[in-house]
Amino acid sequence: MTAAKLMWAPGFVSDPIYPITIDCRGCPANPMSAQGSRARREYLATFAAIVDMVLLRVAGFILVAVVLAPLVAHAYVRVWPRR
């Protein structure tokens, strides 16, 4: 966050980064491997990281939709008889 503000001060364009605290109930000690005892934990994350994760999921959904739409349309045309 400090680096982004230092780059912004002289006029360089930088993405805004805001620290946020995530309150997780029943989370494992190591959330990446889901190992360890479960308890209520607080994690510090950046808003930019969460936005990137959401954008990645949206991009994946669009990619799947673009790939599956022609396949579903093709199957629909072959299964249903024309009238």
C-alpha atoms as a PDB file:
ATOM      1  CA  MET A   1       0.000   0.000   0.000  1.00  0.00           C
ATOM      2  CA  THR A   2       2.834   2.382   0.829  1.00  0.00           C
ATOM      3  CA  ALA A   3       4.535   1.721  -2.493  1.00  0.00           C
ATOM      4  CA  ALA A   4       1.341   2.532  -4.383  1.00  0.00           C
ATOM      5  CA  LYS A   5       0.977   5.839  -2.535  1.00  0.00           C
ATOM      6  CA  LEU A   6       4.656   6.712  -3.120  1.00  0.00           C
ATOM      7  CA  MET A   7       4.231   6.107  -6.852  1.00  0.00           C
ATOM      8  CA  TRP A   8       0.997   8.117  -6.880  1.00  0.00           C
ATOM      9  CA  ALA A   9       2.535  11.171  -5.156  1.00  0.00           C
ATOM     10  CA  PRO A  10       4.818  12.271  -8.061  1.00  0.00           C
ATOM     11  CA  GLY A  11       2.057  11.604 -10.594  1.00  0.00           C
ATOM     12  CA  PHE A  12       2.538   7.988 -11.652  1.00  0.00           C
ATOM     13  CA  VAL A  13      -0.639   6.019 -12.234  1.00  0.00           C
ATOM     14  CA  SER A  14      -1.111   3.201  -9.758  1.00  0.00           C
ATOM     15  CA  ASP A  15      -4.009   1.000  -8.789  1.00  0.00           C
ATOM     16  CA  PRO A  16      -5.645   1.910  -5.501  1.00  0.00           C
ATOM     17  CA  ILE A  17      -4.853  -0.617  -2.798  1.00  0.00           C
ATOM     18  CA  TYR A  18      -6.923  -0.600   0.369  1.00  0.00           C
ATOM     19  CA  PRO A  19      -6.256  -2.933   3.305  1.00  0.00           C
ATOM     20  CA  ILE A  20      -9.317  -4.776   4.581  1.00  0.00           C
ATOM     21  CA  THR A  21      -9.766  -7.237   7.410  1.00  0.00           C
ATOM     22  CA  ILE A  22     -11.600 -10.475   6.700  1.00  0.00           C
ATOM     23  CA  ASP A  23     -13.357 -12.080   9.671  1.00  0.00           C
ATOM     24  CA  CYS A  24     -13.512 -15.808   9.015  1.00  0.00           C
ATOM     25  CA  ARG A  25     -15.484 -18.162  11.251  1.00  0.00           C
ATOM     26  CA  GLY A  26     -14.471 -21.818  11.292  1.00  0.00           C
ATOM     27  CA  CYS A  27     -11.346 -21.269   9.200  1.00  0.00           C
ATOM     28  CA  PRO A  28      -8.366 -23.627   9.340  1.00  0.00           C
ATOM     29  CA  ALA A  29      -4.966 -22.488  10.607  1.00  0.00           C
ATOM     30  CA  ASN A  30      -3.605 -22.688   7.052  1.00  0.00           C
ATOM     31  CA  PRO A  31      -6.367 -21.567   4.668  1.00  0.00           C
ATOM     32  CA  MET A  32      -4.355 -22.416   1.540  1.00  0.00           C
ATOM     33  CA  SER A  33      -4.119 -26.135   2.343  1.00  0.00           C
ATOM     34  CA  ALA A  34      -7.195 -26.376   4.629  1.00  0.00           C
ATOM     35  CA  GLN A  35      -5.032 -27.945   7.335  1.00  0.00           C
ATOM     36  CA  GLY A  36      -5.069 -27.208  11.048  1.00  0.00           C
ATOM     37  CA  SER A  37      -7.600 -26.605  13.754  1.00  0.00           C
ATOM     38  CA  ARG A  38     -10.693 -24.612  12.907  1.00  0.00           C
ATOM     39  CA  ALA A  39     -11.349 -21.384  14.759  1.00  0.00           C
ATOM     40  CA  ARG A  40     -12.435 -17.813  14.253  1.00  0.00           C
ATOM     41  CA  ARG A  41      -9.582 -15.932  12.588  1.00  0.00           C
ATOM     42  CA  GLU A  42      -8.932 -12.538  11.094  1.00  0.00           C
ATOM     43  CA  TYR A  43      -6.932 -12.117   7.910  1.00  0.00           C
ATOM     44  CA  LEU A  44      -5.556  -8.921   6.432  1.00  0.00           C
ATOM     45  CA  ALA A  45      -6.010  -8.692   2.679  1.00  0.00           C
ATOM     46  CA  THR A  46      -5.929  -5.977   0.074  1.00  0.00           C
ATOM     47  CA  PHE A  47      -8.971  -4.857  -1.827  1.00  0.00           C
ATOM     48  CA  ALA A  48      -6.980  -5.097  -5.067  1.00  0.00           C
ATOM     49  CA  ALA A  49      -6.365  -8.817  -4.472  1.00  0.00           C
ATOM     50  CA  ILE A  50     -10.084  -9.440  -3.977  1.00  0.00           C
ATOM     51  CA  VAL A  51     -10.971  -7.456  -7.111  1.00  0.00           C
ATOM     52  CA  ASP A  52      -8.431  -9.489  -9.093  1.00  0.00           C
ATOM     53  CA  MET A  53      -9.961 -12.732  -7.800  1.00  0.00           C
ATOM     54  CA  VAL A  54     -13.478 -11.633  -8.751  1.00  0.00           C
ATOM     55  CA  LEU A  55     -12.342 -10.490 -12.197  1.00  0.00           C
ATOM     56  CA  LEU A  56     -10.610 -13.839 -12.737  1.00  0.00           C
ATOM     57  CA  ARG A  57     -13.827 -15.686 -11.886  1.00  0.00           C
ATOM     58  CA  VAL A  58     -15.871 -13.471 -14.200  1.00  0.00           C
ATOM     59  CA  ALA A  59     -13.371 -14.003 -17.014  1.00  0.00           C
ATOM     60  CA  GLY A  60     -13.521 -17.764 -16.440  1.00  0.00           C
ATOM     61  CA  PHE A  61     -17.323 -17.704 -16.547  1.00  0.00           C
ATOM     62  CA  ILE A  62     -17.299 -15.741 -19.812  1.00  0.00           C
ATOM     63  CA  LEU A  63     -14.774 -18.151 -21.315  1.00  0.00           C
ATOM     64  CA  VAL A  64     -16.878 -21.161 -20.315  1.00  0.00           C
ATOM     65  CA  ALA A  65     -20.026 -19.502 -21.670  1.00  0.00           C
ATOM     66  CA  VAL A  66     -18.355 -18.727 -25.001  1.00  0.00           C
ATOM     67  CA  VAL A  67     -17.112 -22.299 -25.337  1.00  0.00           C
ATOM     68  CA  LEU A  68     -20.296 -24.035 -24.160  1.00  0.00           C
ATOM     69  CA  ALA A  69     -22.878 -21.889 -25.966  1.00  0.00           C
ATOM     70  CA  PRO A  70     -22.083 -23.235 -29.456  1.00  0.00           C
ATOM     71  CA  LEU A  71     -21.965 -26.806 -28.150  1.00  0.00           C
ATOM     72  CA  VAL A  72     -25.362 -26.473 -26.477  1.00  0.00           C
ATOM     73  CA  ALA A  73     -26.844 -24.820 -29.575  1.00  0.00           C
ATOM     74  CA  HIS A  74     -25.460 -27.594 -31.774  1.00  0.00           C
ATOM     75  CA  ALA A  75     -26.916 -30.296 -29.492  1.00  0.00           C
ATOM     76  CA  TYR A  76     -30.254 -28.479 -29.380  1.00  0.00           C
ATOM     77  CA  VAL A  77     -30.494 -28.344 -33.173  1.00  0.00           C
ATOM     78  CA  ARG A  78     -29.664 -32.029 -33.546  1.00  0.00           C
ATOM     79  CA  VAL A  79     -32.008 -33.313 -30.822  1.00  0.00           C
ATOM     80  CA  TRP A  80     -35.156 -31.318 -31.472  1.00  0.00           C
ATOM     81  CA  PRO A  81     -36.914 -32.042 -34.780  1.00  0.00           C
ATOM     82  CA  ARG A  82     -37.792 -29.190 -37.064  1.00  0.00           C
ATOM     83  CA  ARG A  83     -41.439 -28.395 -37.596  1.00  0.00           C
END
